[in-house]
Amino acid sequence: MSKEAERAAIDADKQRLIREGELYRIKVVHAKALVGNALQPDALMHGAIDQAVGMAQARLGGLLQPGGLKSVNFKALLPYALTVGSYIARKRLVKPAMGVALAAGLGLAWLMRRQAAPRDDQE
């Protein structure tokens, strides 16, 4: 190999390393920006809500019909639930609301158990 060919190969390697270094620095800056954005309070809250909704769907999905809660859009219902919850807390109706929820839950459990019981229509 001649000296010019070696020098050209070395220069090409240098240019490649320089481009790789620039790309690496850009990736680091981008990662820092993503982490900074992910640590904003609204992003943290949205992530926590998404996690809670996913967990609730996974836990409660098996209790209902075979389709589970996949057709219910919790993200769309959450503002209404927060509004109702803040109204209940503001008017100090927490204990009556818990009583109503308990009664509704017991009624629903009784209804589901009654429908699931086998019927003896043949006798």
N, C-alpha and C. Protein backbone atom coordinates (compact mmCIF):
# COMPACT_ATOMS: atom_id res chain seq x y z
N MET A 1 0.82 -1.18 0.00
CA MET A 1 0.00 0.00 0.00
C MET A 1 0.87 1.24 0.00
N SER A 2 0.47 2.21 -0.75
CA SER A 2 1.25 3.45 -0.80
C SER A 2 0.88 4.33 0.38
N LYS A 3 1.72 5.34 0.60
CA LYS A 3 1.48 6.24 1.73
C LYS A 3 0.19 7.03 1.54
N GLU A 4 -0.12 7.38 0.29
CA GLU A 4 -1.36 8.14 0.05
C GLU A 4 -2.59 7.28 0.35
N ALA A 5 -2.54 6.01 0.02
CA ALA A 5 -3.66 5.11 0.27
C ALA A 5 -3.83 4.90 1.77
N GLU A 6 -2.71 4.76 2.48
CA GLU A 6 -2.79 4.61 3.93
C GLU A 6 -3.35 5.88 4.56
N ARG A 7 -2.87 7.02 4.09
CA ARG A 7 -3.34 8.29 4.63
C ARG A 7 -4.84 8.47 4.34
N ALA A 8 -5.29 8.07 3.16
CA ALA A 8 -6.71 8.17 2.81
C ALA A 8 -7.54 7.24 3.68
N ALA A 9 -7.03 6.04 3.96
CA ALA A 9 -7.76 5.11 4.82
C ALA A 9 -7.85 5.65 6.24
N ILE A 10 -6.75 6.24 6.73
CA ILE A 10 -6.75 6.82 8.07
C ILE A 10 -7.71 8.00 8.14
N ASP A 11 -7.69 8.85 7.10
CA ASP A 11 -8.61 9.99 7.07
C ASP A 11 -10.08 9.52 7.03
N ALA A 12 -10.34 8.47 6.30
CA ALA A 12 -11.71 7.94 6.23
C ALA A 12 -12.13 7.39 7.59
N ASP A 13 -11.22 6.71 8.29
CA ASP A 13 -11.51 6.21 9.63
C ASP A 13 -11.76 7.35 10.61
N LYS A 14 -10.94 8.42 10.48
CA LYS A 14 -11.14 9.58 11.35
C LYS A 14 -12.51 10.21 11.12
N GLN A 15 -12.87 10.37 9.85
CA GLN A 15 -14.18 10.96 9.53
C GLN A 15 -15.32 10.09 10.05
N ARG A 16 -15.16 8.78 9.91
CA ARG A 16 -16.19 7.87 10.41
C ARG A 16 -16.31 7.98 11.92
N LEU A 17 -15.18 8.04 12.64
CA LEU A 17 -15.20 8.18 14.09
C LEU A 17 -15.80 9.52 14.52
N ILE A 18 -15.50 10.56 13.77
CA ILE A 18 -16.07 11.88 14.08
C ILE A 18 -17.59 11.85 13.92
N ARG A 19 -18.07 11.24 12.84
CA ARG A 19 -19.53 11.14 12.62
C ARG A 19 -20.18 10.29 13.70
N GLU A 20 -19.54 9.19 14.09
CA GLU A 20 -20.08 8.36 15.16
C GLU A 20 -20.13 9.12 16.48
N GLY A 21 -19.09 9.93 16.76
CA GLY A 21 -19.08 10.74 17.98
C GLY A 21 -20.20 11.78 17.97
N GLU A 22 -20.40 12.42 16.81
CA GLU A 22 -21.49 13.40 16.72
C GLU A 22 -22.85 12.73 16.93
N LEU A 23 -23.03 11.57 16.33
CA LEU A 23 -24.28 10.84 16.50
C LEU A 23 -24.47 10.43 17.96
N TYR A 24 -23.41 10.01 18.61
CA TYR A 24 -23.49 9.63 20.02
C TYR A 24 -23.88 10.83 20.87
N ARG A 25 -23.27 12.00 20.62
CA ARG A 25 -23.61 13.20 21.38
C ARG A 25 -25.07 13.60 21.16
N ILE A 26 -25.55 13.47 19.93
CA ILE A 26 -26.95 13.79 19.64
C ILE A 26 -27.87 12.84 20.38
N LYS A 27 -27.52 11.55 20.43
CA LYS A 27 -28.34 10.58 21.16
C LYS A 27 -28.36 10.89 22.65
N VAL A 28 -27.23 11.32 23.21
CA VAL A 28 -27.17 11.67 24.63
C VAL A 28 -28.06 12.87 24.92
N VAL A 29 -27.99 13.90 24.08
CA VAL A 29 -28.82 15.09 24.28
C VAL A 29 -30.30 14.72 24.16
N HIS A 30 -30.63 13.88 23.19
CA HIS A 30 -32.01 13.45 23.01
C HIS A 30 -32.50 12.66 24.22
N ALA A 31 -31.66 11.76 24.73
CA ALA A 31 -32.05 10.97 25.91
C ALA A 31 -32.25 11.87 27.13
N LYS A 32 -31.39 12.87 27.30
CA LYS A 32 -31.56 13.80 28.42
C LYS A 32 -32.87 14.57 28.30
N ALA A 33 -33.21 14.98 27.09
CA ALA A 33 -34.47 15.70 26.87
C ALA A 33 -35.66 14.80 27.16
N LEU A 34 -35.58 13.53 26.75
CA LEU A 34 -36.68 12.60 27.02
C LEU A 34 -36.86 12.37 28.52
N VAL A 35 -35.75 12.22 29.23
CA VAL A 35 -35.82 12.01 30.68
C VAL A 35 -36.36 13.27 31.35
N GLY A 36 -35.90 14.44 30.91
CA GLY A 36 -36.42 15.69 31.48
C GLY A 36 -37.90 15.84 31.25
N ASN A 37 -38.37 15.46 30.07
CA ASN A 37 -39.80 15.54 29.77
C ASN A 37 -40.58 14.51 30.58
N ALA A 38 -40.03 13.33 30.75
CA ALA A 38 -40.74 12.27 31.48
C ALA A 38 -40.83 12.59 32.97
N LEU A 39 -39.97 13.45 33.48
CA LEU A 39 -39.99 13.78 34.90
C LEU A 39 -40.87 14.99 35.21
N GLN A 40 -41.55 15.53 34.21
CA GLN A 40 -42.48 16.62 34.45
C GLN A 40 -43.69 16.08 35.24
N PRO A 41 -44.28 16.88 36.11
CA PRO A 41 -45.39 16.38 36.94
C PRO A 41 -46.57 15.87 36.12
N ASP A 42 -46.92 16.55 35.03
CA ASP A 42 -48.07 16.08 34.26
C ASP A 42 -47.77 14.75 33.57
N ALA A 43 -46.54 14.55 33.11
CA ALA A 43 -46.17 13.28 32.49
C ALA A 43 -46.16 12.16 33.53
N LEU A 44 -45.67 12.46 34.72
CA LEU A 44 -45.68 11.46 35.79
C LEU A 44 -47.11 11.08 36.17
N MET A 45 -48.00 12.10 36.23
CA MET A 45 -49.38 11.82 36.59
C MET A 45 -50.06 10.97 35.50
N HIS A 46 -49.82 11.31 34.24
CA HIS A 46 -50.42 10.53 33.15
C HIS A 46 -49.90 9.09 33.17
N GLY A 47 -48.62 8.92 33.44
CA GLY A 47 -48.06 7.57 33.53
C GLY A 47 -48.67 6.79 34.68
N ALA A 48 -48.85 7.45 35.82
CA ALA A 48 -49.45 6.78 36.98
C ALA A 48 -50.91 6.41 36.70
N ILE A 49 -51.62 7.30 36.04
CA ILE A 49 -53.03 7.01 35.70
C ILE A 49 -53.10 5.86 34.71
N ASP A 50 -52.25 5.87 33.70
CA ASP A 50 -52.24 4.77 32.74
C ASP A 50 -51.94 3.45 33.43
N GLN A 51 -51.00 3.47 34.36
CA GLN A 51 -50.65 2.25 35.10
C GLN A 51 -51.82 1.78 35.95
N ALA A 52 -52.48 2.71 36.64
CA ALA A 52 -53.61 2.34 37.49
C ALA A 52 -54.78 1.81 36.66
N VAL A 53 -55.03 2.43 35.52
CA VAL A 53 -56.12 1.98 34.66
C VAL A 53 -55.82 0.59 34.12
N GLY A 54 -54.60 0.36 33.70
CA GLY A 54 -54.22 -0.96 33.20
C GLY A 54 -54.34 -2.03 34.27
N MET A 55 -53.93 -1.69 35.49
CA MET A 55 -54.02 -2.65 36.58
C MET A 55 -55.48 -2.93 36.93
N ALA A 56 -56.31 -1.88 36.94
CA ALA A 56 -57.73 -2.07 37.25
C ALA A 56 -58.40 -2.91 36.18
N GLN A 57 -58.07 -2.68 34.92
CA GLN A 57 -58.66 -3.48 33.85
C GLN A 57 -58.22 -4.93 33.97
N ALA A 58 -56.97 -5.16 34.33
CA ALA A 58 -56.48 -6.53 34.45
C ALA A 58 -57.14 -7.24 35.63
N ARG A 59 -57.30 -6.53 36.74
CA ARG A 59 -57.89 -7.15 37.94
C ARG A 59 -59.39 -7.37 37.79
N LEU A 60 -60.08 -6.36 37.28
CA LEU A 60 -61.54 -6.42 37.22
C LEU A 60 -62.05 -7.08 35.94
N GLY A 61 -61.20 -7.22 34.95
CA GLY A 61 -61.64 -7.79 33.68
C GLY A 61 -62.16 -9.20 33.80
N GLY A 62 -61.57 -9.99 34.66
CA GLY A 62 -62.00 -11.37 34.82
C GLY A 62 -63.30 -11.51 35.60
N LEU A 63 -63.69 -10.45 36.33
CA LEU A 63 -64.90 -10.54 37.13
C LEU A 63 -66.17 -10.36 36.32
N LEU A 64 -66.04 -9.69 35.20
CA LEU A 64 -67.22 -9.42 34.39
C LEU A 64 -67.34 -10.42 33.26
N GLN A 65 -67.99 -10.02 32.20
CA GLN A 65 -68.20 -10.91 31.06
C GLN A 65 -66.87 -11.36 30.46
N PRO A 66 -66.92 -12.34 29.56
CA PRO A 66 -65.67 -12.83 28.96
C PRO A 66 -64.85 -11.73 28.29
N GLY A 67 -65.50 -10.71 27.78
CA GLY A 67 -64.76 -9.61 27.15
C GLY A 67 -64.06 -8.72 28.14
N GLY A 68 -64.47 -8.77 29.39
CA GLY A 68 -63.86 -7.97 30.43
C GLY A 68 -64.22 -6.50 30.30
N LEU A 69 -63.30 -5.64 30.69
CA LEU A 69 -63.54 -4.19 30.65
C LEU A 69 -62.87 -3.55 29.45
N LYS A 70 -62.65 -4.27 28.40
CA LYS A 70 -61.93 -3.74 27.26
C LYS A 70 -62.75 -2.69 26.51
N SER A 71 -64.07 -2.75 26.58
CA SER A 71 -64.89 -1.79 25.86
C SER A 71 -65.09 -0.49 26.64
N VAL A 72 -64.72 -0.44 27.91
CA VAL A 72 -64.89 0.75 28.73
C VAL A 72 -63.65 1.61 28.59
N ASN A 73 -63.85 2.87 28.26
CA ASN A 73 -62.74 3.81 28.11
C ASN A 73 -62.58 4.58 29.42
N PHE A 74 -61.69 4.10 30.29
CA PHE A 74 -61.51 4.72 31.59
C PHE A 74 -60.92 6.11 31.49
N LYS A 75 -60.09 6.34 30.48
CA LYS A 75 -59.48 7.66 30.34
C LYS A 75 -60.53 8.72 30.01
N ALA A 76 -61.58 8.33 29.31
CA ALA A 76 -62.65 9.28 29.00
C ALA A 76 -63.56 9.47 30.21
N LEU A 77 -63.72 8.45 31.04
CA LEU A 77 -64.60 8.55 32.20
C LEU A 77 -63.93 9.19 33.41
N LEU A 78 -62.60 9.24 33.43
CA LEU A 78 -61.88 9.74 34.60
C LEU A 78 -62.22 11.18 34.95
N PRO A 79 -62.34 12.12 34.01
CA PRO A 79 -62.72 13.48 34.41
C PRO A 79 -64.08 13.54 35.10
N TYR A 80 -65.03 12.76 34.63
CA TYR A 80 -66.34 12.73 35.27
C TYR A 80 -66.24 12.13 36.67
N ALA A 81 -65.47 11.07 36.81
CA ALA A 81 -65.30 10.45 38.12
C ALA A 81 -64.62 11.42 39.09
N LEU A 82 -63.63 12.16 38.63
CA LEU A 82 -62.98 13.13 39.50
C LEU A 82 -63.93 14.25 39.89
N THR A 83 -64.77 14.69 38.96
CA THR A 83 -65.74 15.73 39.27
C THR A 83 -66.73 15.25 40.33
N VAL A 84 -67.26 14.04 40.14
CA VAL A 84 -68.21 13.49 41.11
C VAL A 84 -67.52 13.28 42.46
N GLY A 85 -66.30 12.74 42.42
CA GLY A 85 -65.56 12.52 43.67
C GLY A 85 -65.26 13.80 44.41
N SER A 86 -64.87 14.86 43.70
CA SER A 86 -64.61 16.13 44.37
C SER A 86 -65.89 16.74 44.92
N TYR A 87 -67.01 16.57 44.22
CA TYR A 87 -68.30 17.06 44.74
C TYR A 87 -68.67 16.33 46.03
N ILE A 88 -68.50 15.02 46.02
CA ILE A 88 -68.82 14.23 47.21
C ILE A 88 -67.93 14.64 48.38
N ALA A 89 -66.65 14.86 48.13
CA ALA A 89 -65.74 15.25 49.20
C ALA A 89 -66.04 16.67 49.68
N ARG A 90 -66.38 17.57 48.75
CA ARG A 90 -66.65 18.96 49.11
C ARG A 90 -67.93 19.09 49.94
N LYS A 91 -68.93 18.30 49.64
CA LYS A 91 -70.20 18.35 50.38
C LYS A 91 -70.20 17.43 51.60
N ARG A 92 -69.08 16.78 51.86
CA ARG A 92 -68.92 15.87 53.00
C ARG A 92 -69.95 14.74 52.97
N LEU A 93 -70.06 14.15 51.79
CA LEU A 93 -70.98 13.03 51.59
C LEU A 93 -70.24 11.71 51.41
N VAL A 94 -69.06 11.61 51.98
CA VAL A 94 -68.23 10.43 51.76
C VAL A 94 -68.88 9.19 52.37
N LYS A 95 -69.32 9.29 53.62
CA LYS A 95 -69.91 8.11 54.27
C LYS A 95 -71.22 7.68 53.61
N PRO A 96 -72.13 8.61 53.29
CA PRO A 96 -73.33 8.15 52.56
C PRO A 96 -73.02 7.56 51.19
N ALA A 97 -72.03 8.14 50.49
CA ALA A 97 -71.66 7.61 49.18
C ALA A 97 -71.06 6.21 49.32
N MET A 98 -70.28 5.99 50.37
CA MET A 98 -69.74 4.65 50.58
C MET A 98 -70.85 3.66 50.91
N GLY A 99 -71.86 4.10 51.66
CA GLY A 99 -73.00 3.23 51.96
C GLY A 99 -73.78 2.88 50.70
N VAL A 100 -73.99 3.86 49.84
CA VAL A 100 -74.70 3.61 48.58
C VAL A 100 -73.89 2.66 47.70
N ALA A 101 -72.58 2.87 47.63
CA ALA A 101 -71.73 1.99 46.83
C ALA A 101 -71.73 0.57 47.38
N LEU A 102 -71.70 0.44 48.68
CA LEU A 102 -71.74 -0.88 49.30
C LEU A 102 -73.07 -1.57 49.02
N ALA A 103 -74.17 -0.83 49.15
CA ALA A 103 -75.49 -1.41 48.86
C ALA A 103 -75.59 -1.82 47.38
N ALA A 104 -75.09 -0.97 46.50
CA ALA A 104 -75.13 -1.30 45.07
C ALA A 104 -74.26 -2.52 44.77
N GLY A 105 -73.11 -2.61 45.41
CA GLY A 105 -72.24 -3.78 45.23
C GLY A 105 -72.87 -5.06 45.72
N LEU A 106 -73.50 -4.99 46.88
CA LEU A 106 -74.19 -6.17 47.41
C LEU A 106 -75.36 -6.58 46.52
N GLY A 107 -76.10 -5.59 46.03
CA GLY A 107 -77.21 -5.90 45.13
C GLY A 107 -76.73 -6.52 43.83
N LEU A 108 -75.64 -6.00 43.30
CA LEU A 108 -75.08 -6.56 42.07
C LEU A 108 -74.55 -7.97 42.30
N ALA A 109 -73.90 -8.19 43.44
CA ALA A 109 -73.40 -9.54 43.75
C ALA A 109 -74.56 -10.52 43.89
N TRP A 110 -75.64 -10.09 44.55
CA TRP A 110 -76.81 -10.95 44.71
C TRP A 110 -77.43 -11.27 43.35
N LEU A 111 -77.52 -10.25 42.49
CA LEU A 111 -78.11 -10.44 41.17
C LEU A 111 -77.26 -11.38 40.32
N MET A 112 -75.95 -11.22 40.36
CA MET A 112 -75.06 -12.09 39.57
C MET A 112 -75.13 -13.53 40.09
N ARG A 113 -75.20 -13.70 41.40
CA ARG A 113 -75.28 -15.04 41.98
C ARG A 113 -76.62 -15.69 41.62
N ARG A 114 -77.67 -14.90 41.63
CA ARG A 114 -79.00 -15.42 41.30
C ARG A 114 -79.09 -15.85 39.84
N GLN A 115 -78.47 -15.09 38.95
CA GLN A 115 -78.49 -15.43 37.53
C GLN A 115 -77.60 -16.63 37.24
N ALA A 116 -76.54 -16.79 37.99
CA ALA A 116 -75.60 -17.88 37.75
C ALA A 116 -76.12 -19.21 38.31
N ALA A 117 -77.07 -19.18 39.23
CA ALA A 117 -77.58 -20.42 39.82
C ALA A 117 -78.34 -21.23 38.78
N PRO A 118 -78.12 -22.55 38.74
CA PRO A 118 -78.86 -23.39 37.76
C PRO A 118 -80.32 -23.49 38.15
N ARG A 119 -81.17 -23.49 37.15
CA ARG A 119 -82.61 -23.55 37.40
C ARG A 119 -83.13 -24.95 37.07
N ASP A 120 -84.04 -25.40 37.87
CA ASP A 120 -84.65 -26.72 37.66
C ASP A 120 -86.04 -26.52 37.05
N ASP A 121 -86.08 -26.22 35.77
CA ASP A 121 -87.36 -26.04 35.09
C ASP A 121 -87.96 -27.36 34.63
N GLN A 122 -87.20 -28.43 34.71
CA GLN A 122 -87.67 -29.71 34.19
C GLN A 122 -88.63 -30.37 35.15
N GLU A 123 -88.61 -30.05 36.42
CA GLU A 123 -89.49 -30.72 37.38
C GLU A 123 -90.89 -30.23 37.35
